[in-house]
Amino acid sequence: REFLQAARDLCDEHGAILIFDEVQTGIGRTGSLFAYQHFGITPDIMTLAKGLGGGVPIGATLSTERIFTGWQRGSHGATFGGNSLACRAALTVLDLIANDDFLRNVHAQSERLIAGLRDIATRHPVITSVNGIGLMIGADCGQAAPELSAEALKHGLLLNTAGGTKLRLVPPLTFTDADSDEAIARLNRTFDAWAASKAAS
């Protein structure tokens, strides 16, 4: 919050435009429609894509009314801009996200997964921290993260790493209790197998 507030203050002081890239974090990923809403810092421009179309390719740029002043019809062109299929998909996604129960479930699954990872960390100190917001979760595992990612694949769990040191969990926003429990069980097997392989070598 302090970093974002400092960025907002500097932009205001110098007449600069504050742009937030919400391509990954927007459209419910963090448990609110947009990630910036958690921090109370409003950007001048925001970019969206990925989750907006629910799998159908689409991108969008939003701005405040002040920034948008001066853009007239035809100021910006795009070969596929306004594609009716992509726009219909986006409207359907936004209708789904607007349901309070949907976002409550994102929060519930986030808490479930973070608690599961923290429980694993009590037995596997290779996890030095677990943090996240909504269904964008990271478990810091240092240089072991790539090995753990490869081990997870053997247990039917597809994970990648962020920065090479953090296991990154970004499950579907439609995750259920059963899905979270299954993911945690597979994570347990992953860490147990990895630790056993290290003990044997």
N, C-alpha and C. Protein backbone atom coordinates (compact mmCIF):
# COMPACT_ATOMS: atom_id res chain seq x y z
N ARG A 1 0.83 -1.21 0.00
CA ARG A 1 0.00 0.00 0.00
C ARG A 1 0.87 1.26 0.00
N GLU A 2 1.95 1.24 0.80
CA GLU A 2 2.83 2.42 0.90
C GLU A 2 3.50 2.71 -0.45
N PHE A 3 3.94 1.65 -1.13
CA PHE A 3 4.58 1.82 -2.43
C PHE A 3 3.60 2.42 -3.43
N LEU A 4 2.39 1.87 -3.48
CA LEU A 4 1.39 2.36 -4.43
C LEU A 4 0.99 3.80 -4.12
N GLN A 5 0.87 4.11 -2.83
CA GLN A 5 0.53 5.48 -2.45
C GLN A 5 1.64 6.45 -2.84
N ALA A 6 2.90 6.02 -2.66
CA ALA A 6 4.03 6.88 -3.06
C ALA A 6 4.02 7.10 -4.57
N ALA A 7 3.71 6.05 -5.33
CA ALA A 7 3.63 6.20 -6.79
C ALA A 7 2.51 7.16 -7.18
N ARG A 8 1.36 7.03 -6.50
CA ARG A 8 0.23 7.94 -6.78
C ARG A 8 0.61 9.38 -6.45
N ASP A 9 1.24 9.58 -5.31
CA ASP A 9 1.63 10.94 -4.88
C ASP A 9 2.64 11.56 -5.85
N LEU A 10 3.63 10.76 -6.28
CA LEU A 10 4.63 11.28 -7.22
C LEU A 10 4.00 11.65 -8.56
N CYS A 11 3.09 10.81 -9.03
CA CYS A 11 2.42 11.11 -10.30
C CYS A 11 1.61 12.40 -10.18
N ASP A 12 0.89 12.54 -9.08
CA ASP A 12 0.09 13.75 -8.88
C ASP A 12 0.99 14.99 -8.79
N GLU A 13 2.11 14.84 -8.08
CA GLU A 13 3.02 15.97 -7.90
C GLU A 13 3.63 16.44 -9.21
N HIS A 14 3.94 15.50 -10.09
CA HIS A 14 4.65 15.83 -11.33
C HIS A 14 3.76 15.80 -12.57
N GLY A 15 2.48 15.60 -12.39
CA GLY A 15 1.58 15.59 -13.54
C GLY A 15 1.76 14.37 -14.42
N ALA A 16 2.24 13.29 -13.83
CA ALA A 16 2.44 12.05 -14.60
C ALA A 16 1.19 11.17 -14.49
N ILE A 17 1.10 10.23 -15.38
CA ILE A 17 -0.04 9.32 -15.42
C ILE A 17 0.35 8.01 -14.74
N LEU A 18 -0.50 7.56 -13.82
CA LEU A 18 -0.26 6.30 -13.11
C LEU A 18 -1.03 5.19 -13.83
N ILE A 19 -0.28 4.20 -14.32
CA ILE A 19 -0.88 3.09 -15.06
C ILE A 19 -0.69 1.80 -14.28
N PHE A 20 -1.77 1.06 -14.07
CA PHE A 20 -1.71 -0.25 -13.43
C PHE A 20 -1.96 -1.32 -14.47
N ASP A 21 -1.08 -2.31 -14.49
CA ASP A 21 -1.24 -3.47 -15.35
C ASP A 21 -2.02 -4.52 -14.56
N GLU A 22 -3.29 -4.70 -14.87
CA GLU A 22 -4.11 -5.69 -14.18
C GLU A 22 -4.46 -6.85 -15.12
N VAL A 23 -3.57 -7.11 -16.07
CA VAL A 23 -3.80 -8.21 -17.00
C VAL A 23 -3.92 -9.54 -16.25
N GLN A 24 -3.07 -9.76 -15.25
CA GLN A 24 -3.15 -10.99 -14.46
C GLN A 24 -3.97 -10.82 -13.19
N THR A 25 -3.91 -9.65 -12.58
CA THR A 25 -4.52 -9.46 -11.27
C THR A 25 -5.99 -9.05 -11.32
N GLY A 26 -6.45 -8.59 -12.48
CA GLY A 26 -7.82 -8.10 -12.58
C GLY A 26 -8.85 -9.19 -12.77
N ILE A 27 -10.10 -8.80 -12.78
CA ILE A 27 -11.26 -9.66 -13.03
C ILE A 27 -11.36 -10.78 -12.00
N GLY A 28 -11.30 -10.40 -10.73
CA GLY A 28 -11.58 -11.34 -9.65
C GLY A 28 -10.42 -12.16 -9.14
N ARG A 29 -9.29 -12.13 -9.78
CA ARG A 29 -8.16 -12.97 -9.40
C ARG A 29 -7.76 -12.78 -7.94
N THR A 30 -7.85 -11.55 -7.45
CA THR A 30 -7.42 -11.26 -6.08
C THR A 30 -8.58 -11.23 -5.08
N GLY A 31 -9.77 -11.58 -5.56
CA GLY A 31 -10.93 -11.58 -4.68
C GLY A 31 -11.75 -10.30 -4.75
N SER A 32 -11.31 -9.34 -5.53
CA SER A 32 -12.11 -8.17 -5.85
C SER A 32 -12.05 -8.02 -7.37
N LEU A 33 -12.92 -7.18 -7.92
CA LEU A 33 -12.92 -7.07 -9.39
C LEU A 33 -11.54 -6.69 -9.90
N PHE A 34 -10.91 -5.70 -9.24
CA PHE A 34 -9.56 -5.29 -9.60
C PHE A 34 -8.68 -5.28 -8.36
N ALA A 35 -7.42 -5.58 -8.52
CA ALA A 35 -6.50 -5.63 -7.37
C ALA A 35 -6.34 -4.28 -6.71
N TYR A 36 -6.38 -3.21 -7.49
CA TYR A 36 -6.15 -1.88 -6.90
C TYR A 36 -7.19 -1.56 -5.82
N GLN A 37 -8.35 -2.19 -5.88
CA GLN A 37 -9.41 -1.91 -4.91
C GLN A 37 -9.03 -2.34 -3.49
N HIS A 38 -8.09 -3.24 -3.35
CA HIS A 38 -7.64 -3.66 -2.02
C HIS A 38 -6.84 -2.56 -1.33
N PHE A 39 -6.29 -1.64 -2.11
CA PHE A 39 -5.34 -0.68 -1.57
C PHE A 39 -5.84 0.75 -1.55
N GLY A 40 -6.98 1.01 -2.17
CA GLY A 40 -7.52 2.36 -2.16
C GLY A 40 -6.72 3.36 -2.97
N ILE A 41 -5.92 2.88 -3.91
CA ILE A 41 -5.12 3.75 -4.78
C ILE A 41 -5.67 3.59 -6.20
N THR A 42 -6.21 4.65 -6.77
CA THR A 42 -6.84 4.54 -8.08
C THR A 42 -5.88 4.96 -9.19
N PRO A 43 -5.69 4.11 -10.21
CA PRO A 43 -4.82 4.48 -11.32
C PRO A 43 -5.54 5.43 -12.29
N ASP A 44 -4.77 6.05 -13.17
CA ASP A 44 -5.35 6.86 -14.23
C ASP A 44 -5.74 5.99 -15.42
N ILE A 45 -4.91 4.97 -15.66
CA ILE A 45 -5.16 4.03 -16.76
C ILE A 45 -4.93 2.63 -16.21
N MET A 46 -5.72 1.69 -16.71
CA MET A 46 -5.57 0.30 -16.29
C MET A 46 -5.71 -0.60 -17.52
N THR A 47 -4.83 -1.60 -17.60
CA THR A 47 -4.91 -2.55 -18.70
C THR A 47 -5.48 -3.87 -18.20
N LEU A 48 -6.28 -4.51 -19.05
CA LEU A 48 -6.92 -5.79 -18.73
C LEU A 48 -6.77 -6.74 -19.91
N ALA A 49 -6.81 -8.03 -19.62
CA ALA A 49 -6.84 -9.06 -20.66
C ALA A 49 -7.08 -10.39 -19.94
N LYS A 50 -6.58 -11.48 -20.49
CA LYS A 50 -6.62 -12.81 -19.88
C LYS A 50 -7.98 -13.13 -19.27
N GLY A 51 -8.14 -12.92 -17.96
CA GLY A 51 -9.38 -13.32 -17.29
C GLY A 51 -10.62 -12.62 -17.82
N LEU A 52 -10.46 -11.48 -18.47
CA LEU A 52 -11.61 -10.73 -18.95
C LEU A 52 -12.47 -11.55 -19.91
N GLY A 53 -11.84 -12.36 -20.74
CA GLY A 53 -12.61 -13.13 -21.72
C GLY A 53 -12.88 -14.57 -21.30
N GLY A 54 -12.44 -14.96 -20.11
CA GLY A 54 -12.69 -16.33 -19.66
C GLY A 54 -12.14 -17.37 -20.63
N GLY A 55 -11.00 -17.07 -21.23
CA GLY A 55 -10.39 -18.01 -22.18
C GLY A 55 -10.49 -17.54 -23.63
N VAL A 56 -11.37 -16.61 -23.90
CA VAL A 56 -11.47 -16.02 -25.24
C VAL A 56 -10.55 -14.80 -25.27
N PRO A 57 -9.65 -14.71 -26.25
CA PRO A 57 -8.69 -13.60 -26.27
C PRO A 57 -9.37 -12.24 -26.37
N ILE A 58 -9.02 -11.38 -25.43
CA ILE A 58 -9.52 -10.00 -25.44
C ILE A 58 -8.58 -9.15 -24.59
N GLY A 59 -8.48 -7.90 -24.92
CA GLY A 59 -7.73 -6.95 -24.11
C GLY A 59 -8.54 -5.67 -24.02
N ALA A 60 -8.33 -4.93 -22.95
CA ALA A 60 -9.05 -3.67 -22.79
C ALA A 60 -8.18 -2.68 -22.03
N THR A 61 -8.38 -1.43 -22.31
CA THR A 61 -7.72 -0.35 -21.58
C THR A 61 -8.81 0.54 -21.01
N LEU A 62 -8.74 0.78 -19.71
CA LEU A 62 -9.70 1.65 -19.04
C LEU A 62 -8.97 2.89 -18.56
N SER A 63 -9.67 4.00 -18.48
CA SER A 63 -9.06 5.21 -17.95
C SER A 63 -10.09 6.02 -17.19
N THR A 64 -9.60 6.96 -16.40
CA THR A 64 -10.50 7.89 -15.75
C THR A 64 -11.07 8.83 -16.81
N GLU A 65 -12.14 9.48 -16.47
CA GLU A 65 -12.77 10.41 -17.42
C GLU A 65 -11.81 11.54 -17.79
N ARG A 66 -11.02 12.00 -16.82
CA ARG A 66 -10.07 13.08 -17.09
C ARG A 66 -9.06 12.69 -18.16
N ILE A 67 -8.54 11.48 -18.06
CA ILE A 67 -7.55 11.02 -19.04
C ILE A 67 -8.19 10.79 -20.40
N PHE A 68 -9.44 10.31 -20.37
CA PHE A 68 -10.11 9.97 -21.63
C PHE A 68 -10.51 11.21 -22.44
N THR A 69 -10.58 12.35 -21.77
CA THR A 69 -10.94 13.59 -22.48
C THR A 69 -10.00 13.81 -23.65
N GLY A 70 -10.54 14.08 -24.80
CA GLY A 70 -9.71 14.30 -25.98
C GLY A 70 -9.70 13.11 -26.93
N TRP A 71 -10.04 11.94 -26.42
CA TRP A 71 -10.15 10.78 -27.31
C TRP A 71 -11.50 10.84 -28.00
N GLN A 72 -11.48 11.01 -29.27
CA GLN A 72 -12.71 11.03 -30.05
C GLN A 72 -12.86 9.70 -30.79
N ARG A 73 -14.07 9.41 -31.22
CA ARG A 73 -14.30 8.19 -32.01
C ARG A 73 -13.34 8.19 -33.19
N GLY A 74 -12.60 7.09 -33.33
CA GLY A 74 -11.63 6.99 -34.41
C GLY A 74 -10.22 7.37 -34.00
N SER A 75 -10.05 7.86 -32.76
CA SER A 75 -8.70 8.22 -32.30
C SER A 75 -7.80 7.00 -32.22
N HIS A 76 -8.40 5.85 -31.97
CA HIS A 76 -7.62 4.63 -31.82
C HIS A 76 -8.28 3.54 -32.64
N GLY A 77 -7.49 2.82 -33.42
CA GLY A 77 -8.05 1.75 -34.24
C GLY A 77 -7.39 0.43 -33.92
N ALA A 78 -8.12 -0.65 -34.13
CA ALA A 78 -7.58 -1.99 -33.93
C ALA A 78 -8.27 -2.93 -34.91
N THR A 79 -7.48 -3.78 -35.53
CA THR A 79 -8.04 -4.68 -36.54
C THR A 79 -9.19 -5.51 -35.98
N PHE A 80 -9.00 -6.02 -34.76
CA PHE A 80 -10.03 -6.87 -34.17
C PHE A 80 -10.78 -6.16 -33.03
N GLY A 81 -10.62 -4.85 -32.91
CA GLY A 81 -11.28 -4.12 -31.84
C GLY A 81 -12.79 -4.27 -31.89
N GLY A 82 -13.38 -4.53 -30.73
CA GLY A 82 -14.83 -4.65 -30.66
C GLY A 82 -15.37 -5.97 -31.19
N ASN A 83 -14.50 -6.96 -31.32
CA ASN A 83 -14.94 -8.28 -31.79
C ASN A 83 -16.16 -8.75 -30.99
N SER A 84 -17.25 -9.07 -31.67
CA SER A 84 -18.51 -9.35 -30.96
C SER A 84 -18.43 -10.60 -30.11
N LEU A 85 -17.73 -11.65 -30.55
CA LEU A 85 -17.61 -12.87 -29.75
C LEU A 85 -16.83 -12.58 -28.47
N ALA A 86 -15.69 -11.90 -28.60
CA ALA A 86 -14.86 -11.60 -27.43
C ALA A 86 -15.61 -10.69 -26.46
N CYS A 87 -16.32 -9.71 -26.98
CA CYS A 87 -17.06 -8.79 -26.11
C CYS A 87 -18.21 -9.51 -25.39
N ARG A 88 -18.89 -10.43 -26.08
CA ARG A 88 -19.96 -11.20 -25.43
C ARG A 88 -19.37 -12.07 -24.32
N ALA A 89 -18.21 -12.69 -24.59
CA ALA A 89 -17.55 -13.50 -23.56
C ALA A 89 -17.19 -12.65 -22.35
N ALA A 90 -16.66 -11.45 -22.59
CA ALA A 90 -16.28 -10.56 -21.49
C ALA A 90 -17.49 -10.15 -20.67
N LEU A 91 -18.59 -9.83 -21.33
CA LEU A 91 -19.80 -9.46 -20.59
C LEU A 91 -20.31 -10.61 -19.73
N THR A 92 -20.21 -11.82 -20.25
CA THR A 92 -20.63 -13.00 -19.48
C THR A 92 -19.75 -13.17 -18.25
N VAL A 93 -18.43 -13.02 -18.44
CA VAL A 93 -17.50 -13.11 -17.30
C VAL A 93 -17.82 -12.05 -16.26
N LEU A 94 -18.04 -10.82 -16.70
CA LEU A 94 -18.33 -9.73 -15.76
C LEU A 94 -19.63 -9.97 -15.00
N ASP A 95 -20.63 -10.54 -15.68
CA ASP A 95 -21.88 -10.89 -14.99
C ASP A 95 -21.62 -11.91 -13.89
N LEU A 96 -20.76 -12.88 -14.17
CA LEU A 96 -20.44 -13.93 -13.19
C LEU A 96 -19.68 -13.33 -12.00
N ILE A 97 -18.68 -12.51 -12.28
CA ILE A 97 -17.87 -11.90 -11.23
C ILE A 97 -18.71 -10.97 -10.35
N ALA A 98 -19.75 -10.37 -10.92
CA ALA A 98 -20.59 -9.44 -10.17
C ALA A 98 -21.39 -10.13 -9.07
N ASN A 99 -21.46 -11.45 -9.11
CA ASN A 99 -22.16 -12.20 -8.08
C ASN A 99 -21.29 -12.25 -6.83
N ASP A 100 -21.80 -11.71 -5.72
CA ASP A 100 -21.01 -11.64 -4.48
C ASP A 100 -20.54 -13.02 -4.02
N ASP A 101 -21.37 -14.04 -4.23
CA ASP A 101 -20.99 -15.39 -3.82
C ASP A 101 -19.75 -15.86 -4.55
N PHE A 102 -19.59 -15.43 -5.79
CA PHE A 102 -18.43 -15.85 -6.59
C PHE A 102 -17.15 -15.34 -5.94
N LEU A 103 -17.11 -14.06 -5.62
CA LEU A 103 -15.90 -13.49 -5.03
C LEU A 103 -15.69 -13.98 -3.59
N ARG A 104 -16.77 -14.24 -2.87
CA ARG A 104 -16.63 -14.82 -1.52
C ARG A 104 -15.93 -16.17 -1.61
N ASN A 105 -16.27 -16.95 -2.65
CA ASN A 105 -15.62 -18.25 -2.83
C ASN A 105 -14.14 -18.09 -3.14
N VAL A 106 -13.77 -17.07 -3.92
CA VAL A 106 -12.35 -16.82 -4.19
C VAL A 106 -11.61 -16.60 -2.88
N HIS A 107 -12.19 -15.79 -2.00
CA HIS A 107 -11.58 -15.54 -0.68
C HIS A 107 -11.49 -16.83 0.14
N ALA A 108 -12.56 -17.61 0.13
CA ALA A 108 -12.59 -18.85 0.93
C ALA A 108 -11.53 -19.83 0.44
N GLN A 109 -11.39 -19.98 -0.86
CA GLN A 109 -10.40 -20.92 -1.39
C GLN A 109 -8.99 -20.40 -1.16
N SER A 110 -8.81 -19.09 -1.20
CA SER A 110 -7.51 -18.50 -0.89
C SER A 110 -7.10 -18.86 0.53
N GLU A 111 -8.01 -18.66 1.47
CA GLU A 111 -7.71 -18.97 2.88
C GLU A 111 -7.40 -20.45 3.05
N ARG A 112 -8.14 -21.29 2.35
CA ARG A 112 -7.96 -22.75 2.46
C ARG A 112 -6.58 -23.16 1.93
N LEU A 113 -6.21 -22.63 0.77
CA LEU A 113 -4.92 -23.00 0.17
C LEU A 113 -3.74 -22.44 0.98
N ILE A 114 -3.86 -21.19 1.42
CA ILE A 114 -2.78 -20.60 2.22
C ILE A 114 -2.60 -21.37 3.53
N ALA A 115 -3.71 -21.73 4.18
CA ALA A 115 -3.62 -22.51 5.42
C ALA A 115 -2.97 -23.86 5.16
N GLY A 116 -3.32 -24.50 4.05
CA GLY A 116 -2.72 -25.79 3.70
C GLY A 116 -1.23 -25.68 3.47
N LEU A 117 -0.81 -24.63 2.77
CA LEU A 117 0.62 -24.42 2.53
C LEU A 117 1.37 -24.12 3.83
N ARG A 118 0.76 -23.34 4.69
CA ARG A 118 1.41 -23.02 5.96
C ARG A 118 1.53 -24.26 6.84
N ASP A 119 0.55 -25.15 6.75
CA ASP A 119 0.63 -26.41 7.49
C ASP A 119 1.78 -27.26 6.95
N ILE A 120 1.93 -27.31 5.63
CA ILE A 120 3.04 -28.05 5.03
C ILE A 120 4.36 -27.44 5.48
N ALA A 121 4.41 -26.12 5.58
CA ALA A 121 5.65 -25.43 5.99
C ALA A 121 6.08 -25.83 7.40
N THR A 122 5.15 -26.23 8.26
CA THR A 122 5.54 -26.65 9.62
C THR A 122 6.34 -27.94 9.58
N ARG A 123 6.16 -28.74 8.53
CA ARG A 123 6.90 -29.99 8.40
C ARG A 123 8.03 -29.90 7.38
N HIS A 124 7.95 -28.91 6.51
CA HIS A 124 8.96 -28.76 5.45
C HIS A 124 9.47 -27.32 5.47
N PRO A 125 10.52 -27.06 6.24
CA PRO A 125 11.01 -25.69 6.39
C PRO A 125 11.61 -25.09 5.12
N VAL A 126 11.64 -25.88 4.03
CA VAL A 126 12.07 -25.29 2.76
C VAL A 126 11.11 -24.16 2.38
N ILE A 127 9.86 -24.22 2.87
CA ILE A 127 8.92 -23.12 2.66
C ILE A 127 9.21 -22.07 3.74
N THR A 128 9.73 -20.93 3.31
CA THR A 128 10.10 -19.90 4.29
C THR A 128 9.00 -18.86 4.47
N SER A 129 8.10 -18.75 3.51
CA SER A 129 6.97 -17.84 3.65
C SER A 129 5.89 -18.23 2.66
N VAL A 130 4.67 -17.91 3.03
CA VAL A 130 3.51 -18.11 2.15
C VAL A 130 2.73 -16.81 2.17
N ASN A 131 2.46 -16.25 1.01
CA ASN A 131 1.64 -15.05 0.96
C ASN A 131 0.83 -15.03 -0.32
N GLY A 132 -0.09 -14.14 -0.36
CA GLY A 132 -0.92 -14.03 -1.54
C GLY A 132 -2.15 -13.21 -1.26
N ILE A 133 -2.90 -13.00 -2.30
CA ILE A 133 -4.15 -12.26 -2.20
C ILE A 133 -5.09 -12.91 -3.20
N GLY A 134 -6.25 -13.34 -2.70
CA GLY A 134 -7.16 -14.08 -3.56
C GLY A 134 -6.50 -15.36 -4.03
N LEU A 135 -6.76 -15.71 -5.28
CA LEU A 135 -6.18 -16.93 -5.83
C LEU A 135 -4.93 -16.63 -6.65
N MET A 136 -4.05 -15.85 -6.05
CA MET A 136 -2.71 -15.58 -6.58
C MET A 136 -1.79 -15.72 -5.37
N ILE A 137 -1.25 -16.93 -5.22
CA ILE A 137 -0.57 -17.32 -3.99
C ILE A 137 0.86 -17.75 -4.30
N GLY A 138 1.78 -17.40 -3.41
CA GLY A 138 3.17 -17.80 -3.58
C GLY A 138 3.72 -18.44 -2.31
N ALA A 139 4.51 -19.48 -2.50
CA ALA A 139 5.22 -20.12 -1.39
C ALA A 139 6.70 -20.02 -1.68
N ASP A 140 7.43 -19.25 -0.87
CA ASP A 140 8.85 -19.05 -1.11
C ASP A 140 9.62 -20.30 -0.68
N CYS A 141 10.30 -20.90 -1.64
CA CYS A 141 11.05 -22.14 -1.39
C CYS A 141 12.51 -22.01 -1.81
N GLY A 142 12.97 -20.78 -2.00
CA GLY A 142 14.36 -20.57 -2.37
C GLY A 142 14.72 -21.28 -3.67
N GLN A 143 15.96 -21.74 -3.73
CA GLN A 143 16.46 -22.38 -4.96
C GLN A 143 15.81 -23.74 -5.22
N ALA A 144 15.05 -24.25 -4.24
CA ALA A 144 14.37 -25.54 -4.42
C ALA A 144 13.09 -25.41 -5.24
N ALA A 145 12.62 -24.20 -5.48
CA ALA A 145 11.34 -24.01 -6.16
C ALA A 145 11.25 -24.73 -7.51
N PRO A 146 12.26 -24.62 -8.40
CA PRO A 146 12.15 -25.34 -9.67
C PRO A 146 12.08 -26.86 -9.49
N GLU A 147 12.84 -27.40 -8.53
CA GLU A 147 12.79 -28.84 -8.26
C GLU A 147 11.41 -29.24 -7.76
N LEU A 148 10.84 -28.43 -6.89
CA LEU A 148 9.52 -28.72 -6.36
C LEU A 148 8.45 -28.61 -7.43
N SER A 149 8.62 -27.68 -8.34
CA SER A 149 7.68 -27.55 -9.46
C SER A 149 7.71 -28.81 -10.32
N ALA A 150 8.92 -29.32 -10.59
CA ALA A 150 9.05 -30.56 -11.37
C ALA A 150 8.47 -31.76 -10.62
N GLU A 151 8.69 -31.80 -9.31
CA GLU A 151 8.15 -32.89 -8.49
C GLU A 151 6.62 -32.84 -8.47
N ALA A 152 6.07 -31.64 -8.40
CA ALA A 152 4.61 -31.49 -8.36
C ALA A 152 3.96 -32.08 -9.61
N LEU A 153 4.63 -31.92 -10.74
CA LEU A 153 4.10 -32.45 -12.00
C LEU A 153 3.96 -33.97 -11.92
N LYS A 154 4.87 -34.64 -11.22
CA LYS A 154 4.78 -36.10 -11.05
C LYS A 154 3.54 -36.49 -10.25
N HIS A 155 3.02 -35.54 -9.47
CA HIS A 155 1.85 -35.81 -8.64
C HIS A 155 0.60 -35.16 -9.22
N GLY A 156 0.68 -34.85 -10.52
CA GLY A 156 -0.48 -34.33 -11.23
C GLY A 156 -0.85 -32.90 -10.90
N LEU A 157 0.14 -32.12 -10.47
CA LEU A 157 -0.11 -30.72 -10.10
C LEU A 157 0.79 -29.83 -10.93
N LEU A 158 0.20 -28.97 -11.71
CA LEU A 158 0.97 -28.09 -12.60
C LEU A 158 1.20 -26.75 -11.90
N LEU A 159 2.45 -26.50 -11.52
CA LEU A 159 2.84 -25.26 -10.86
C LEU A 159 3.98 -24.62 -11.65
N ASN A 160 4.09 -23.33 -11.56
CA ASN A 160 5.30 -22.71 -12.09
C ASN A 160 5.96 -21.91 -10.97
N THR A 161 7.05 -21.25 -11.29
CA THR A 161 7.75 -20.47 -10.27
C THR A 161 7.71 -19.00 -10.65
N ALA A 162 7.80 -18.17 -9.63
CA ALA A 162 7.91 -16.72 -9.84
C ALA A 162 9.27 -16.31 -9.32
N GLY A 163 10.06 -15.71 -10.17
CA GLY A 163 11.39 -15.27 -9.77
C GLY A 163 12.35 -16.41 -9.50
N GLY A 164 11.94 -17.63 -9.83
CA GLY A 164 12.81 -18.79 -9.65
C GLY A 164 12.88 -19.30 -8.22
N THR A 165 12.24 -18.60 -7.28
CA THR A 165 12.34 -19.02 -5.88
C THR A 165 10.98 -19.23 -5.22
N LYS A 166 9.95 -18.93 -5.90
CA LYS A 166 8.61 -19.00 -5.29
C LYS A 166 7.71 -19.89 -6.12
N LEU A 167 7.09 -20.88 -5.47
CA LEU A 167 6.07 -21.67 -6.14
C LEU A 167 4.83 -20.79 -6.28
N ARG A 168 4.27 -20.78 -7.47
CA ARG A 168 3.16 -19.88 -7.76
C ARG A 168 1.89 -20.69 -7.98
N LEU A 169 0.87 -20.41 -7.19
CA LEU A 169 -0.42 -21.09 -7.33
C LEU A 169 -1.44 -20.07 -7.81
N VAL A 170 -1.97 -20.30 -9.00
CA VAL A 170 -3.02 -19.44 -9.56
C VAL A 170 -4.11 -20.34 -10.13
N PRO A 171 -4.85 -21.01 -9.24
CA PRO A 171 -5.88 -21.94 -9.72
C PRO A 171 -7.07 -21.21 -10.33
N PRO A 172 -7.95 -21.93 -11.01
CA PRO A 172 -9.15 -21.30 -11.56
C PRO A 172 -9.97 -20.63 -10.47
N LEU A 173 -10.64 -19.56 -10.82
CA LEU A 173 -11.46 -18.85 -9.85
C LEU A 173 -12.69 -19.67 -9.46
N THR A 174 -12.96 -20.72 -10.19
CA THR A 174 -14.10 -21.59 -9.89
C THR A 174 -13.73 -22.73 -8.96
N PHE A 175 -12.55 -22.67 -8.36
CA PHE A 175 -12.09 -23.71 -7.42
C PHE A 175 -13.14 -23.93 -6.33
N THR A 176 -13.31 -25.21 -5.97
CA THR A 176 -14.24 -25.58 -4.91
C THR A 176 -13.45 -26.07 -3.69
N ASP A 177 -14.16 -26.33 -2.60
CA ASP A 177 -13.50 -26.91 -1.42
C ASP A 177 -12.80 -28.21 -1.78
N ALA A 178 -13.50 -29.04 -2.56
CA ALA A 178 -12.92 -30.33 -2.96
C ALA A 178 -11.66 -30.13 -3.79
N ASP A 179 -11.67 -29.15 -4.68
CA ASP A 179 -10.48 -28.86 -5.51
C ASP A 179 -9.31 -28.42 -4.63
N SER A 180 -9.59 -27.53 -3.67
CA SER A 180 -8.53 -27.05 -2.78
C SER A 180 -7.96 -28.19 -1.94
N ASP A 181 -8.85 -29.04 -1.43
CA ASP A 181 -8.39 -30.17 -0.62
C ASP A 181 -7.53 -31.12 -1.45
N GLU A 182 -7.92 -31.33 -2.70
CA GLU A 182 -7.13 -32.21 -3.58
C GLU A 182 -5.77 -31.57 -3.88
N ALA A 183 -5.77 -30.27 -4.13
CA ALA A 183 -4.50 -29.58 -4.40
C ALA A 183 -3.57 -29.67 -3.19
N ILE A 184 -4.12 -29.49 -1.99
CA ILE A 184 -3.30 -29.56 -0.77
C ILE A 184 -2.76 -30.96 -0.57
N ALA A 185 -3.59 -31.98 -0.84
CA ALA A 185 -3.12 -33.37 -0.72
C ALA A 185 -1.97 -33.63 -1.69
N ARG A 186 -2.09 -33.12 -2.91
CA ARG A 186 -1.02 -33.32 -3.90
C ARG A 186 0.23 -32.52 -3.53
N LEU A 187 0.03 -31.35 -2.93
CA LEU A 187 1.18 -30.58 -2.45
C LEU A 187 1.89 -31.33 -1.33
N ASN A 188 1.13 -31.92 -0.42
CA ASN A 188 1.72 -32.73 0.65
C ASN A 188 2.57 -33.85 0.07
N ARG A 189 2.04 -34.56 -0.92
CA ARG A 189 2.79 -35.67 -1.53
C ARG A 189 4.03 -35.14 -2.23
N THR A 190 3.90 -33.97 -2.86
CA THR A 190 5.04 -33.35 -3.56
C THR A 190 6.18 -33.05 -2.59
N PHE A 191 5.86 -32.38 -1.50
CA PHE A 191 6.91 -31.99 -0.54
C PHE A 191 7.48 -33.21 0.18
N ASP A 192 6.64 -34.18 0.50
CA ASP A 192 7.13 -35.41 1.14
C ASP A 192 8.11 -36.14 0.23
N ALA A 193 7.73 -36.26 -1.06
CA ALA A 193 8.59 -36.99 -2.00
C ALA A 193 9.89 -36.23 -2.24
N TRP A 194 9.80 -34.92 -2.35
CA TRP A 194 11.01 -34.11 -2.56
C TRP A 194 11.95 -34.24 -1.35
N ALA A 195 11.39 -34.15 -0.14
CA ALA A 195 12.22 -34.25 1.06
C ALA A 195 12.85 -35.64 1.16
N ALA A 196 12.09 -36.67 0.80
CA ALA A 196 12.63 -38.05 0.85
C ALA A 196 13.77 -38.20 -0.14
N SER A 197 13.65 -37.60 -1.31
CA SER A 197 14.71 -37.71 -2.31
C SER A 197 15.98 -37.00 -1.84
N LYS A 198 15.80 -35.90 -1.13
CA LYS A 198 16.96 -35.17 -0.60
C LYS A 198 17.63 -35.96 0.52
N ALA A 199 16.83 -36.59 1.35
CA ALA A 199 17.38 -37.38 2.46
C ALA A 199 18.14 -38.59 1.95
N ALA A 200 17.70 -39.13 0.81
CA ALA A 200 18.34 -40.33 0.25
C ALA A 200 19.61 -39.99 -0.51
N SER A 201 19.77 -38.75 -0.93
CA SER A 201 20.96 -38.42 -1.75
C SER A 201 22.14 -37.94 -0.92
